[in-house]
Amino acid sequence: MKTAQGLRKHLNKKLKCDPASVAARAAERKKSRRLSAKTYYYRFKRL
């Protein structure tokens, strides 16, 4: 995964459904959402 958006796509794929996996995935999604928003802001908004 080169970008945070790529990581988000990867995490949205069908994965294991046990509670620990679901919680870990939710945390990773949250982190990647934050990273992708930050990189988007720096790339396009601060010109």
N, C-alpha and C. Protein backbone atom coordinates (compact mmCIF):
# COMPACT_ATOMS: atom_id res chain seq x y z
N MET A 1 0.83 -1.17 0.00
CA MET A 1 0.00 0.00 0.00
C MET A 1 0.89 1.24 0.00
N LYS A 2 0.79 1.99 -1.07
CA LYS A 2 1.61 3.19 -1.18
C LYS A 2 0.96 4.36 -0.47
N THR A 3 -0.36 4.39 -0.48
CA THR A 3 -1.06 5.55 0.08
C THR A 3 -2.01 5.12 1.19
N ALA A 4 -2.45 6.09 1.95
CA ALA A 4 -3.43 5.82 3.00
C ALA A 4 -4.75 5.38 2.38
N GLN A 5 -5.08 5.91 1.20
CA GLN A 5 -6.31 5.49 0.53
C GLN A 5 -6.23 4.02 0.15
N GLY A 6 -5.06 3.57 -0.29
CA GLY A 6 -4.86 2.16 -0.62
C GLY A 6 -5.04 1.29 0.60
N LEU A 7 -4.57 1.75 1.73
CA LEU A 7 -4.74 1.01 2.98
C LEU A 7 -6.21 0.91 3.33
N ARG A 8 -6.95 1.98 3.15
CA ARG A 8 -8.39 1.95 3.43
C ARG A 8 -9.09 0.93 2.56
N LYS A 9 -8.76 0.90 1.27
CA LYS A 9 -9.38 -0.08 0.38
C LYS A 9 -9.06 -1.49 0.83
N HIS A 10 -7.81 -1.70 1.21
CA HIS A 10 -7.38 -3.02 1.65
C HIS A 10 -8.16 -3.45 2.90
N LEU A 11 -8.36 -2.53 3.82
CA LEU A 11 -9.05 -2.86 5.07
C LEU A 11 -10.54 -3.09 4.86
N ASN A 12 -11.09 -2.58 3.77
CA ASN A 12 -12.51 -2.76 3.52
C ASN A 12 -12.82 -4.12 2.90
N LYS A 13 -11.79 -4.88 2.54
CA LYS A 13 -12.01 -6.20 1.96
C LYS A 13 -12.54 -7.15 3.03
N LYS A 14 -13.12 -8.25 2.58
CA LYS A 14 -13.70 -9.21 3.51
C LYS A 14 -12.59 -9.90 4.32
N LEU A 15 -12.66 -9.77 5.63
CA LEU A 15 -11.67 -10.35 6.52
C LEU A 15 -12.36 -11.12 7.63
N LYS A 16 -11.58 -11.64 8.56
CA LYS A 16 -12.14 -12.43 9.66
C LYS A 16 -13.13 -11.61 10.48
N CYS A 17 -14.09 -12.30 11.09
CA CYS A 17 -15.18 -11.61 11.78
C CYS A 17 -15.19 -11.80 13.29
N ASP A 18 -14.12 -12.34 13.87
CA ASP A 18 -14.13 -12.49 15.32
C ASP A 18 -13.96 -11.10 15.96
N PRO A 19 -14.42 -10.93 17.20
CA PRO A 19 -14.43 -9.59 17.82
C PRO A 19 -13.07 -8.89 17.85
N ALA A 20 -12.00 -9.63 18.10
CA ALA A 20 -10.68 -9.00 18.15
C ALA A 20 -10.30 -8.44 16.78
N SER A 21 -10.57 -9.20 15.73
CA SER A 21 -10.24 -8.74 14.37
C SER A 21 -11.06 -7.52 13.99
N VAL A 22 -12.33 -7.56 14.35
CA VAL A 22 -13.21 -6.44 14.02
C VAL A 22 -12.74 -5.16 14.73
N ALA A 23 -12.38 -5.30 16.00
CA ALA A 23 -11.91 -4.13 16.76
C ALA A 23 -10.60 -3.60 16.19
N ALA A 24 -9.69 -4.51 15.85
CA ALA A 24 -8.41 -4.10 15.29
C ALA A 24 -8.61 -3.40 13.95
N ARG A 25 -9.52 -3.93 13.14
CA ARG A 25 -9.81 -3.33 11.84
C ARG A 25 -10.40 -1.93 12.01
N ALA A 26 -11.29 -1.79 12.98
CA ALA A 26 -11.90 -0.48 13.22
C ALA A 26 -10.83 0.54 13.60
N ALA A 27 -9.90 0.12 14.44
CA ALA A 27 -8.82 1.02 14.85
C ALA A 27 -7.94 1.39 13.65
N GLU A 28 -7.63 0.42 12.82
CA GLU A 28 -6.82 0.69 11.63
C GLU A 28 -7.54 1.61 10.65
N ARG A 29 -8.85 1.40 10.49
CA ARG A 29 -9.63 2.27 9.61
C ARG A 29 -9.61 3.71 10.11
N LYS A 30 -9.77 3.85 11.41
CA LYS A 30 -9.76 5.18 12.01
C LYS A 30 -8.42 5.87 11.75
N LYS A 31 -7.34 5.12 11.96
CA LYS A 31 -6.00 5.65 11.76
C LYS A 31 -5.78 6.03 10.29
N SER A 32 -6.18 5.14 9.38
CA SER A 32 -5.95 5.41 7.96
C SER A 32 -6.80 6.57 7.47
N ARG A 33 -8.01 6.70 8.01
CA ARG A 33 -8.86 7.82 7.63
C ARG A 33 -8.20 9.13 8.04
N ARG A 34 -7.63 9.14 9.23
CA ARG A 34 -6.94 10.34 9.71
C ARG A 34 -5.73 10.66 8.84
N LEU A 35 -4.96 9.62 8.50
CA LEU A 35 -3.77 9.83 7.67
C LEU A 35 -4.13 10.30 6.27
N SER A 36 -5.16 9.70 5.68
CA SER A 36 -5.51 10.09 4.31
C SER A 36 -6.05 11.51 4.28
N ALA A 37 -6.80 11.90 5.29
CA ALA A 37 -7.31 13.27 5.35
C ALA A 37 -6.15 14.26 5.48
N LYS A 38 -5.18 13.89 6.30
CA LYS A 38 -4.03 14.77 6.52
C LYS A 38 -3.20 14.91 5.24
N THR A 39 -2.93 13.80 4.56
CA THR A 39 -2.13 13.88 3.34
C THR A 39 -2.89 14.63 2.25
N TYR A 40 -4.19 14.44 2.17
CA TYR A 40 -4.99 15.16 1.19
C TYR A 40 -4.88 16.66 1.45
N TYR A 41 -5.01 17.03 2.69
CA TYR A 41 -4.94 18.45 3.06
C TYR A 41 -3.60 19.05 2.66
N TYR A 42 -2.51 18.37 3.00
CA TYR A 42 -1.19 18.91 2.68
C TYR A 42 -0.92 18.92 1.18
N ARG A 43 -1.46 17.94 0.48
CA ARG A 43 -1.20 17.86 -0.95
C ARG A 43 -1.95 18.91 -1.74
N PHE A 44 -3.24 19.08 -1.45
CA PHE A 44 -4.09 19.87 -2.33
C PHE A 44 -4.55 21.21 -1.76
N LYS A 45 -4.65 21.32 -0.48
CA LYS A 45 -5.22 22.55 0.08
C LYS A 45 -4.18 23.61 0.38
N ARG A 46 -2.96 23.19 0.68
CA ARG A 46 -1.94 24.17 1.08
C ARG A 46 -1.03 24.54 -0.08
N LEU A 47 -1.59 25.01 -1.15
CA LEU A 47 -0.78 25.39 -2.31
C LEU A 47 -0.47 26.86 -2.32
